[in-house]
Amino acid sequence: MTQTVDIRIDEWQNDGGFAGVERLTYRIDGGEDWALAWPGERDAWVVVLHGHGSRGDQIFTRPDVREKWLREYRALGLGVLSPNLRDNAWMCPEAVDDLHRLIGWAREHYGIASCYFLSGSMGGSGNLIYATLHPEDVTALSALGSVTDIWSYVYWLRNNPGGVKDEIYQAIVSAYGGVPEEMPDKFAAHSVLRHLDRLTMPMLVSHGDDDALIPVEQSRQLAHLLIGKPDFTYLEIAGGDHDSPLFGCDLIGWLTGLLG
């Protein structure tokens, strides 16, 4: 049973002209966090998890993502839920618990019947991890340029240091309370490749083969292991960088086909 969470609802103050967006503020385990919710015409909602270095308003404030995705989601009549989830927590156990409570509350408050998890990078990685831990919450998911095995990704970051990769390494180690050899059970529980039997929902995975931030091998391993899954789509973008899957795959066409 989903534990309850107390949420304060305020109108989101923004200068982007987004009327009707609500800011949900809640406290779990002594810390305050927030999400943005924009009810639509349907009882189907998109859950958008932000990328590393961004926050829960990314879908509204990053111009290219806003114009490419948000406009299409609204045209389809979908509601949008965009949680902050402890900033750069990489779907650690505490973030999983927060999201599960938030979705349980949102289902009751907004009358949500289905949740489509559509995200990239850290957000897509979180989609995959969350789907293995709470598949009952996930109607379908996309993971664009994402991590499929948090355990091996930490080692890759350690062996390929520099720039934002160092920031990501520190963020994961901090969120998970140590490196994999120190916290093997925690990292194993959040390794998607170790729990493939739980990924029963339709999936779209895409990755650029020249991604310097999250290596394409992360998605290739998942695609290889899910060969034969009828509702699994994998698109590898030749010469694509980390952001290429955000705009190089037909996410909206795939989503429209699922909505019917």
C-alpha atoms as a PDB file:
ATOM      1  CA  MET A   1       0.000   0.000   0.000  1.00  0.00           C
ATOM      2  CA  THR A   2       1.293   3.471  -0.890  1.00  0.00           C
ATOM      3  CA  GLN A   3       2.146   5.544   2.168  1.00  0.00           C
ATOM      4  CA  THR A   4       0.368   8.862   2.349  1.00  0.00           C
ATOM      5  CA  VAL A   5       2.083  12.194   1.804  1.00  0.00           C
ATOM      6  CA  ASP A   6       0.898  15.642   2.822  1.00  0.00           C
ATOM      7  CA  ILE A   7       0.999  18.052  -0.102  1.00  0.00           C
ATOM      8  CA  ARG A   8       0.456  21.792  -0.291  1.00  0.00           C
ATOM      9  CA  ILE A   9      -0.936  22.956  -3.629  1.00  0.00           C
ATOM     10  CA  ASP A  10      -0.118  26.448  -4.938  1.00  0.00           C
ATOM     11  CA  GLU A  11      -0.417  28.067  -8.322  1.00  0.00           C
ATOM     12  CA  TRP A  12       2.988  27.900 -10.013  1.00  0.00           C
ATOM     13  CA  GLN A  13       4.284  31.415 -10.501  1.00  0.00           C
ATOM     14  CA  ASN A  14       5.970  31.591 -13.893  1.00  0.00           C
ATOM     15  CA  ASP A  15       6.498  34.008 -16.754  1.00  0.00           C
ATOM     16  CA  GLY A  16       5.990  31.418 -19.485  1.00  0.00           C
ATOM     17  CA  GLY A  17       2.242  31.732 -19.785  1.00  0.00           C
ATOM     18  CA  PHE A  18       1.472  28.288 -18.346  1.00  0.00           C
ATOM     19  CA  ALA A  19      -1.937  28.842 -16.789  1.00  0.00           C
ATOM     20  CA  GLY A  20      -3.240  26.084 -14.540  1.00  0.00           C
ATOM     21  CA  VAL A  21       0.099  24.564 -13.557  1.00  0.00           C
ATOM     22  CA  GLU A  22       0.169  23.656  -9.875  1.00  0.00           C
ATOM     23  CA  ARG A  23       3.229  23.470  -7.638  1.00  0.00           C
ATOM     24  CA  LEU A  24       3.019  20.556  -5.220  1.00  0.00           C
ATOM     25  CA  THR A  25       5.169  20.996  -2.102  1.00  0.00           C
ATOM     26  CA  TYR A  26       5.656  18.064   0.242  1.00  0.00           C
ATOM     27  CA  ARG A  27       7.848  16.880   3.099  1.00  0.00           C
ATOM     28  CA  ILE A  28       9.151  13.309   3.335  1.00  0.00           C
ATOM     29  CA  ASP A  29      11.794  12.127   5.819  1.00  0.00           C
ATOM     30  CA  GLY A  30      12.244  15.645   7.129  1.00  0.00           C
ATOM     31  CA  GLY A  31      13.111  17.247   3.786  1.00  0.00           C
ATOM     32  CA  GLU A  32      10.975  19.449   1.554  1.00  0.00           C
ATOM     33  CA  ASP A  33      10.649  18.783  -2.156  1.00  0.00           C
ATOM     34  CA  TRP A  34       8.268  19.702  -4.956  1.00  0.00           C
ATOM     35  CA  ALA A  35       6.705  18.775  -8.264  1.00  0.00           C
ATOM     36  CA  LEU A  36       4.755  20.550 -10.987  1.00  0.00           C
ATOM     37  CA  ALA A  37       1.375  19.197 -12.107  1.00  0.00           C
ATOM     38  CA  TRP A  38      -0.641  20.334 -15.114  1.00  0.00           C
ATOM     39  CA  PRO A  39      -3.986  18.546 -15.466  1.00  0.00           C
ATOM     40  CA  GLY A  40      -5.111  17.826 -19.006  1.00  0.00           C
ATOM     41  CA  GLU A  41      -8.269  16.650 -20.721  1.00  0.00           C
ATOM     42  CA  ARG A  42      -7.551  12.927 -20.269  1.00  0.00           C
ATOM     43  CA  ASP A  43      -7.059  10.677 -17.275  1.00  0.00           C
ATOM     44  CA  ALA A  44      -3.759   9.685 -18.896  1.00  0.00           C
ATOM     45  CA  TRP A  45      -0.695  11.623 -17.717  1.00  0.00           C
ATOM     46  CA  VAL A  46       2.929  11.954 -18.734  1.00  0.00           C
ATOM     47  CA  VAL A  47       5.484  11.649 -15.930  1.00  0.00           C
ATOM     48  CA  VAL A  48       8.626  13.582 -16.859  1.00  0.00           C
ATOM     49  CA  LEU A  49      11.838  13.112 -14.861  1.00  0.00           C
ATOM     50  CA  HIS A  50      14.479  15.768 -15.400  1.00  0.00           C
ATOM     51  CA  GLY A  51      18.091  15.328 -16.441  1.00  0.00           C
ATOM     52  CA  HIS A  52      21.190  15.725 -14.295  1.00  0.00           C
ATOM     53  CA  GLY A  53      21.858  19.334 -13.368  1.00  0.00           C
ATOM     54  CA  SER A  54      18.260  20.404 -13.990  1.00  0.00           C
ATOM     55  CA  ARG A  55      15.219  20.527 -11.733  1.00  0.00           C
ATOM     56  CA  GLY A  56      11.566  19.597 -11.803  1.00  0.00           C
ATOM     57  CA  ASP A  57      10.605  22.507 -14.053  1.00  0.00           C
ATOM     58  CA  GLN A  58      12.883  21.425 -16.945  1.00  0.00           C
ATOM     59  CA  ILE A  59      10.023  20.404 -19.257  1.00  0.00           C
ATOM     60  CA  PHE A  60       8.640  23.952 -18.903  1.00  0.00           C
ATOM     61  CA  THR A  61      11.863  25.984 -18.930  1.00  0.00           C
ATOM     62  CA  ARG A  62      14.229  24.252 -21.384  1.00  0.00           C
ATOM     63  CA  PRO A  63      13.147  25.743 -24.725  1.00  0.00           C
ATOM     64  CA  ASP A  64      13.965  22.854 -27.080  1.00  0.00           C
ATOM     65  CA  VAL A  65      12.374  20.197 -24.863  1.00  0.00           C
ATOM     66  CA  ARG A  66       9.376  22.418 -24.139  1.00  0.00           C
ATOM     67  CA  GLU A  67       8.708  23.090 -27.814  1.00  0.00           C
ATOM     68  CA  LYS A  68       9.358  19.507 -28.949  1.00  0.00           C
ATOM     69  CA  TRP A  69       7.558  17.590 -26.192  1.00  0.00           C
ATOM     70  CA  LEU A  70       5.359  19.684 -23.948  1.00  0.00           C
ATOM     71  CA  ARG A  71       3.392  21.238 -26.798  1.00  0.00           C
ATOM     72  CA  GLU A  72       2.674  17.779 -28.240  1.00  0.00           C
ATOM     73  CA  TYR A  73       1.665  16.308 -24.884  1.00  0.00           C
ATOM     74  CA  ARG A  74      -0.847  19.084 -24.397  1.00  0.00           C
ATOM     75  CA  ALA A  75      -2.178  18.690 -27.935  1.00  0.00           C
ATOM     76  CA  LEU A  76      -2.897  15.058 -27.055  1.00  0.00           C
ATOM     77  CA  GLY A  77      -4.852  16.191 -23.993  1.00  0.00           C
ATOM     78  CA  LEU A  78      -2.396  14.652 -21.522  1.00  0.00           C
ATOM     79  CA  GLY A  79      -1.715  15.814 -18.007  1.00  0.00           C
ATOM     80  CA  VAL A  80       1.904  16.380 -17.016  1.00  0.00           C
ATOM     81  CA  LEU A  81       3.572  15.517 -13.706  1.00  0.00           C
ATOM     82  CA  SER A  82       7.169  16.687 -13.346  1.00  0.00           C
ATOM     83  CA  PRO A  83       8.755  15.948  -9.951  1.00  0.00           C
ATOM     84  CA  ASN A  84      12.016  17.410  -8.697  1.00  0.00           C
ATOM     85  CA  LEU A  85      12.974  14.205  -6.826  1.00  0.00           C
ATOM     86  CA  ARG A  86      15.835  15.427  -4.639  1.00  0.00           C
ATOM     87  CA  ASP A  87      17.587  17.204  -7.524  1.00  0.00           C
ATOM     88  CA  ASN A  88      20.309  14.818  -8.805  1.00  0.00           C
ATOM     89  CA  ALA A  89      19.426  11.645  -6.901  1.00  0.00           C
ATOM     90  CA  TRP A  90      19.585   9.177  -9.836  1.00  0.00           C
ATOM     91  CA  MET A  91      16.524   7.290  -8.550  1.00  0.00           C
ATOM     92  CA  CYS A  92      18.151   6.225  -5.297  1.00  0.00           C
ATOM     93  CA  PRO A  93      15.908   4.326  -2.838  1.00  0.00           C
ATOM     94  CA  GLU A  94      14.684   7.516  -1.187  1.00  0.00           C
ATOM     95  CA  ALA A  95      13.741   9.024  -4.560  1.00  0.00           C
ATOM     96  CA  VAL A  96      11.854   5.833  -5.442  1.00  0.00           C
ATOM     97  CA  ASP A  97       9.861   6.090  -2.225  1.00  0.00           C
ATOM     98  CA  ASP A  98       9.134   9.776  -2.821  1.00  0.00           C
ATOM     99  CA  LEU A  99       7.874   9.139  -6.352  1.00  0.00           C
ATOM    100  CA  HIS A 100       5.748   6.174  -5.335  1.00  0.00           C
ATOM    101  CA  ARG A 101       4.029   8.228  -2.665  1.00  0.00           C
ATOM    102  CA  LEU A 102       3.591  11.170  -5.022  1.00  0.00           C
ATOM    103  CA  ILE A 103       2.036   9.043  -7.769  1.00  0.00           C
ATOM    104  CA  GLY A 104      -0.286   7.370  -5.284  1.00  0.00           C
ATOM    105  CA  TRP A 105      -1.474  10.769  -4.098  1.00  0.00           C
ATOM    106  CA  ALA A 106      -1.790  12.115  -7.656  1.00  0.00           C
ATOM    107  CA  ARG A 107      -3.886   9.138  -8.767  1.00  0.00           C
ATOM    108  CA  GLU A 108      -6.448   9.909  -6.076  1.00  0.00           C
ATOM    109  CA  HIS A 109      -6.339  13.696  -6.327  1.00  0.00           C
ATOM    110  CA  TYR A 110      -6.384  14.049 -10.123  1.00  0.00           C
ATOM    111  CA  GLY A 111      -8.110  10.802 -11.043  1.00  0.00           C
ATOM    112  CA  ILE A 112      -5.129   9.526 -13.017  1.00  0.00           C
ATOM    113  CA  ALA A 113      -5.727   6.170 -14.709  1.00  0.00           C
ATOM    114  CA  SER A 114      -2.427   5.689 -16.564  1.00  0.00           C
ATOM    115  CA  CYS A 115       1.106   7.079 -16.349  1.00  0.00           C
ATOM    116  CA  TYR A 116       3.465   7.300 -19.327  1.00  0.00           C
ATOM    117  CA  PHE A 117       7.028   7.823 -18.123  1.00  0.00           C
ATOM    118  CA  LEU A 118       8.797   9.760 -20.887  1.00  0.00           C
ATOM    119  CA  SER A 119      12.295  11.049 -20.121  1.00  0.00           C
ATOM    120  CA  GLY A 120      15.914  11.103 -21.190  1.00  0.00           C
ATOM    121  CA  SER A 121      19.388  10.938 -19.655  1.00  0.00           C
ATOM    122  CA  MET A 122      19.162  10.773 -15.822  1.00  0.00           C
ATOM    123  CA  GLY A 123      15.393  10.994 -16.184  1.00  0.00           C
ATOM    124  CA  GLY A 124      15.250   8.032 -18.557  1.00  0.00           C
ATOM    125  CA  SER A 125      17.558   6.093 -16.258  1.00  0.00           C
ATOM    126  CA  GLY A 126      15.143   6.835 -13.435  1.00  0.00           C
ATOM    127  CA  ASN A 127      12.227   5.648 -15.580  1.00  0.00           C
ATOM    128  CA  LEU A 128      13.878   2.267 -16.034  1.00  0.00           C
ATOM    129  CA  ILE A 129      14.857   1.850 -12.391  1.00  0.00           C
ATOM    130  CA  TYR A 130      11.441   2.895 -11.144  1.00  0.00           C
ATOM    131  CA  ALA A 131       9.685   0.575 -13.595  1.00  0.00           C
ATOM    132  CA  THR A 132      11.561  -2.444 -12.234  1.00  0.00           C
ATOM    133  CA  LEU A 133      10.666  -1.497  -8.654  1.00  0.00           C
ATOM    134  CA  HIS A 134       7.065  -0.338  -9.193  1.00  0.00           C
ATOM    135  CA  PRO A 135       5.856  -1.685 -12.541  1.00  0.00           C
ATOM    136  CA  GLU A 136       2.286  -1.245 -11.355  1.00  0.00           C
ATOM    137  CA  ASP A 137       2.735   2.526 -11.638  1.00  0.00           C
ATOM    138  CA  VAL A 138       4.141   2.543 -15.185  1.00  0.00           C
ATOM    139  CA  THR A 139       1.813   2.160 -18.178  1.00  0.00           C
ATOM    140  CA  ALA A 140       4.664   2.609 -20.674  1.00  0.00           C
ATOM    141  CA  LEU A 141       8.089   4.227 -20.685  1.00  0.00           C
ATOM    142  CA  SER A 142      10.746   5.805 -22.828  1.00  0.00           C
ATOM    143  CA  ALA A 143      14.443   5.916 -21.927  1.00  0.00           C
ATOM    144  CA  LEU A 144      16.483   8.149 -24.225  1.00  0.00           C
ATOM    145  CA  GLY A 145      20.256   8.149 -23.815  1.00  0.00           C
ATOM    146  CA  SER A 146      19.915   6.448 -20.450  1.00  0.00           C
ATOM    147  CA  VAL A 147      21.669   4.136 -17.997  1.00  0.00           C
ATOM    148  CA  THR A 148      20.464   0.538 -17.733  1.00  0.00           C
ATOM    149  CA  ASP A 149      22.957  -0.679 -15.121  1.00  0.00           C
ATOM    150  CA  ILE A 150      23.791   1.922 -12.458  1.00  0.00           C
ATOM    151  CA  TRP A 151      26.432  -0.444 -11.027  1.00  0.00           C
ATOM    152  CA  SER A 152      28.602  -0.597 -14.157  1.00  0.00           C
ATOM    153  CA  TYR A 153      27.956   3.054 -14.984  1.00  0.00           C
ATOM    154  CA  VAL A 154      29.588   4.160 -11.728  1.00  0.00           C
ATOM    155  CA  TYR A 155      32.693   2.178 -12.657  1.00  0.00           C
ATOM    156  CA  TRP A 156      32.677   3.682 -16.162  1.00  0.00           C
ATOM    157  CA  LEU A 157      32.491   7.182 -14.704  1.00  0.00           C
ATOM    158  CA  ARG A 158      35.385   6.450 -12.382  1.00  0.00           C
ATOM    159  CA  ASN A 159      37.488   5.169 -15.284  1.00  0.00           C
ATOM    160  CA  ASN A 160      36.512   8.028 -17.618  1.00  0.00           C
ATOM    161  CA  PRO A 161      36.763  11.164 -15.468  1.00  0.00           C
ATOM    162  CA  GLY A 162      36.372  14.768 -16.487  1.00  0.00           C
ATOM    163  CA  GLY A 163      33.824  17.571 -16.537  1.00  0.00           C
ATOM    164  CA  VAL A 164      30.209  16.774 -15.786  1.00  0.00           C
ATOM    165  CA  LYS A 165      31.048  13.073 -15.497  1.00  0.00           C
ATOM    166  CA  ASP A 166      32.830  13.838 -12.225  1.00  0.00           C
ATOM    167  CA  GLU A 167      29.734  15.663 -10.980  1.00  0.00           C
ATOM    168  CA  ILE A 168      27.509  12.714 -11.906  1.00  0.00           C
ATOM    169  CA  TYR A 169      29.851  10.260 -10.185  1.00  0.00           C
ATOM    170  CA  GLN A 170      29.793  12.265  -6.973  1.00  0.00           C
ATOM    171  CA  ALA A 171      26.026  12.696  -7.147  1.00  0.00           C
ATOM    172  CA  ILE A 172      25.392   8.954  -7.516  1.00  0.00           C
ATOM    173  CA  VAL A 173      27.837   7.989  -4.778  1.00  0.00           C
ATOM    174  CA  SER A 174      26.291  10.562  -2.448  1.00  0.00           C
ATOM    175  CA  ALA A 175      22.701   9.528  -3.235  1.00  0.00           C
ATOM    176  CA  TYR A 176      23.412   5.814  -2.852  1.00  0.00           C
ATOM    177  CA  GLY A 177      25.616   6.172   0.218  1.00  0.00           C
ATOM    178  CA  GLY A 178      28.807   4.820  -1.345  1.00  0.00           C
ATOM    179  CA  VAL A 179      30.243   3.016  -4.357  1.00  0.00           C
ATOM    180  CA  PRO A 180      28.910  -0.367  -5.521  1.00  0.00           C
ATOM    181  CA  GLU A 181      31.524  -2.411  -3.672  1.00  0.00           C
ATOM    182  CA  GLU A 182      30.455  -0.677  -0.452  1.00  0.00           C
ATOM    183  CA  MET A 183      26.698  -0.886  -1.123  1.00  0.00           C
ATOM    184  CA  PRO A 184      26.292  -3.997  -3.313  1.00  0.00           C
ATOM    185  CA  ASP A 185      22.718  -4.817  -2.354  1.00  0.00           C
ATOM    186  CA  LYS A 186      21.492  -1.279  -3.014  1.00  0.00           C
ATOM    187  CA  PHE A 187      23.140  -1.026  -6.427  1.00  0.00           C
ATOM    188  CA  ALA A 188      22.037  -4.535  -7.396  1.00  0.00           C
ATOM    189  CA  ALA A 189      18.427  -3.713  -6.495  1.00  0.00           C
ATOM    190  CA  HIS A 190      18.567  -0.695  -8.830  1.00  0.00           C
ATOM    191  CA  SER A 191      20.305  -2.428 -11.724  1.00  0.00           C
ATOM    192  CA  VAL A 192      17.707  -2.702 -14.476  1.00  0.00           C
ATOM    193  CA  LEU A 193      19.583  -5.492 -16.250  1.00  0.00           C
ATOM    194  CA  ARG A 194      19.181  -7.706 -13.192  1.00  0.00           C
ATOM    195  CA  HIS A 195      15.385  -7.334 -13.078  1.00  0.00           C
ATOM    196  CA  LEU A 196      14.261  -7.535 -16.673  1.00  0.00           C
ATOM    197  CA  ASP A 197      11.297  -9.764 -15.849  1.00  0.00           C
ATOM    198  CA  ARG A 198       9.590  -6.735 -14.280  1.00  0.00           C
ATOM    199  CA  LEU A 199       9.665  -4.696 -17.484  1.00  0.00           C
ATOM    200  CA  THR A 200       6.316  -5.889 -18.767  1.00  0.00           C
ATOM    201  CA  MET A 201       5.124  -2.534 -20.155  1.00  0.00           C
ATOM    202  CA  PRO A 202       5.651  -1.090 -23.681  1.00  0.00           C
ATOM    203  CA  MET A 203       9.086   0.521 -23.983  1.00  0.00           C
ATOM    204  CA  LEU A 204      10.917   2.856 -26.341  1.00  0.00           C
ATOM    205  CA  VAL A 205      14.704   2.996 -25.894  1.00  0.00           C
ATOM    206  CA  SER A 206      16.978   5.135 -28.035  1.00  0.00           C
ATOM    207  CA  HIS A 207      20.668   6.053 -27.819  1.00  0.00           C
ATOM    208  CA  GLY A 208      23.245   7.899 -29.885  1.00  0.00           C
ATOM    209  CA  ASP A 209      26.208   5.665 -30.717  1.00  0.00           C
ATOM    210  CA  ASP A 210      28.642   8.561 -30.081  1.00  0.00           C
ATOM    211  CA  ASP A 211      27.274   9.503 -26.658  1.00  0.00           C
ATOM    212  CA  ALA A 212      30.210  10.733 -24.558  1.00  0.00           C
ATOM    213  CA  LEU A 213      28.237  11.059 -21.318  1.00  0.00           C
ATOM    214  CA  ILE A 214      26.379   7.729 -21.097  1.00  0.00           C
ATOM    215  CA  PRO A 215      27.945   5.078 -23.348  1.00  0.00           C
ATOM    216  CA  VAL A 216      25.701   3.430 -25.919  1.00  0.00           C
ATOM    217  CA  GLU A 217      26.634   0.023 -24.504  1.00  0.00           C
ATOM    218  CA  GLN A 218      24.235   0.734 -21.659  1.00  0.00           C
ATOM    219  CA  SER A 219      21.255   0.622 -24.043  1.00  0.00           C
ATOM    220  CA  ARG A 220      22.739  -2.035 -26.297  1.00  0.00           C
ATOM    221  CA  GLN A 221      22.881  -4.500 -23.408  1.00  0.00           C
ATOM    222  CA  LEU A 222      19.223  -3.921 -22.621  1.00  0.00           C
ATOM    223  CA  ALA A 223      18.215  -4.206 -26.275  1.00  0.00           C
ATOM    224  CA  HIS A 224      20.099  -7.468 -26.654  1.00  0.00           C
ATOM    225  CA  LEU A 225      18.478  -8.983 -23.582  1.00  0.00           C
ATOM    226  CA  LEU A 226      14.982  -7.877 -24.633  1.00  0.00           C
ATOM    227  CA  ILE A 227      15.133  -9.288 -28.160  1.00  0.00           C
ATOM    228  CA  GLY A 228      11.747 -10.835 -28.857  1.00  0.00           C
ATOM    229  CA  LYS A 229       9.787  -8.605 -26.462  1.00  0.00           C
ATOM    230  CA  PRO A 230       6.867  -7.620 -28.730  1.00  0.00           C
ATOM    231  CA  ASP A 231       6.267  -4.143 -27.316  1.00  0.00           C
ATOM    232  CA  PHE A 232       9.938  -3.111 -27.114  1.00  0.00           C
ATOM    233  CA  THR A 233      11.382  -0.630 -29.613  1.00  0.00           C
ATOM    234  CA  TYR A 234      15.091   0.165 -29.846  1.00  0.00           C
ATOM    235  CA  LEU A 235      16.525   2.878 -32.071  1.00  0.00           C
ATOM    236  CA  GLU A 236      20.267   3.535 -32.209  1.00  0.00           C
ATOM    237  CA  ILE A 237      21.218   6.818 -33.867  1.00  0.00           C
ATOM    238  CA  ALA A 238      24.386   6.622 -35.972  1.00  0.00           C
ATOM    239  CA  GLY A 239      26.771   9.424 -35.070  1.00  0.00           C
ATOM    240  CA  GLY A 240      24.334  10.645 -32.428  1.00  0.00           C
ATOM    241  CA  ASP A 241      25.480  12.429 -29.299  1.00  0.00           C
ATOM    242  CA  HIS A 242      23.869  12.481 -25.864  1.00  0.00           C
ATOM    243  CA  ASP A 243      20.949  14.706 -26.906  1.00  0.00           C
ATOM    244  CA  SER A 244      20.290  13.084 -30.281  1.00  0.00           C
ATOM    245  CA  PRO A 245      17.615  10.642 -29.008  1.00  0.00           C
ATOM    246  CA  LEU A 246      15.598  13.552 -27.614  1.00  0.00           C
ATOM    247  CA  PHE A 247      14.862  14.707 -31.138  1.00  0.00           C
ATOM    248  CA  GLY A 248      15.890  11.808 -33.369  1.00  0.00           C
ATOM    249  CA  CYS A 249      13.231   9.247 -32.520  1.00  0.00           C
ATOM    250  CA  ASP A 250       9.494   9.445 -33.111  1.00  0.00           C
ATOM    251  CA  LEU A 251       8.485   9.576 -29.471  1.00  0.00           C
ATOM    252  CA  ILE A 252       5.194  11.319 -30.168  1.00  0.00           C
ATOM    253  CA  GLY A 253       4.234   8.847 -32.897  1.00  0.00           C
ATOM    254  CA  TRP A 254       5.010   5.939 -30.562  1.00  0.00           C
ATOM    255  CA  LEU A 255       3.016   7.533 -27.752  1.00  0.00           C
ATOM    256  CA  THR A 256       0.059   8.328 -30.009  1.00  0.00           C
ATOM    257  CA  GLY A 257      -0.063   4.707 -31.105  1.00  0.00           C
ATOM    258  CA  LEU A 258      -0.302   3.580 -27.489  1.00  0.00           C
ATOM    259  CA  LEU A 259      -3.019   6.066 -26.641  1.00  0.00           C
ATOM    260  CA  GLY A 260      -5.152   4.920 -29.571  1.00  0.00           C
END
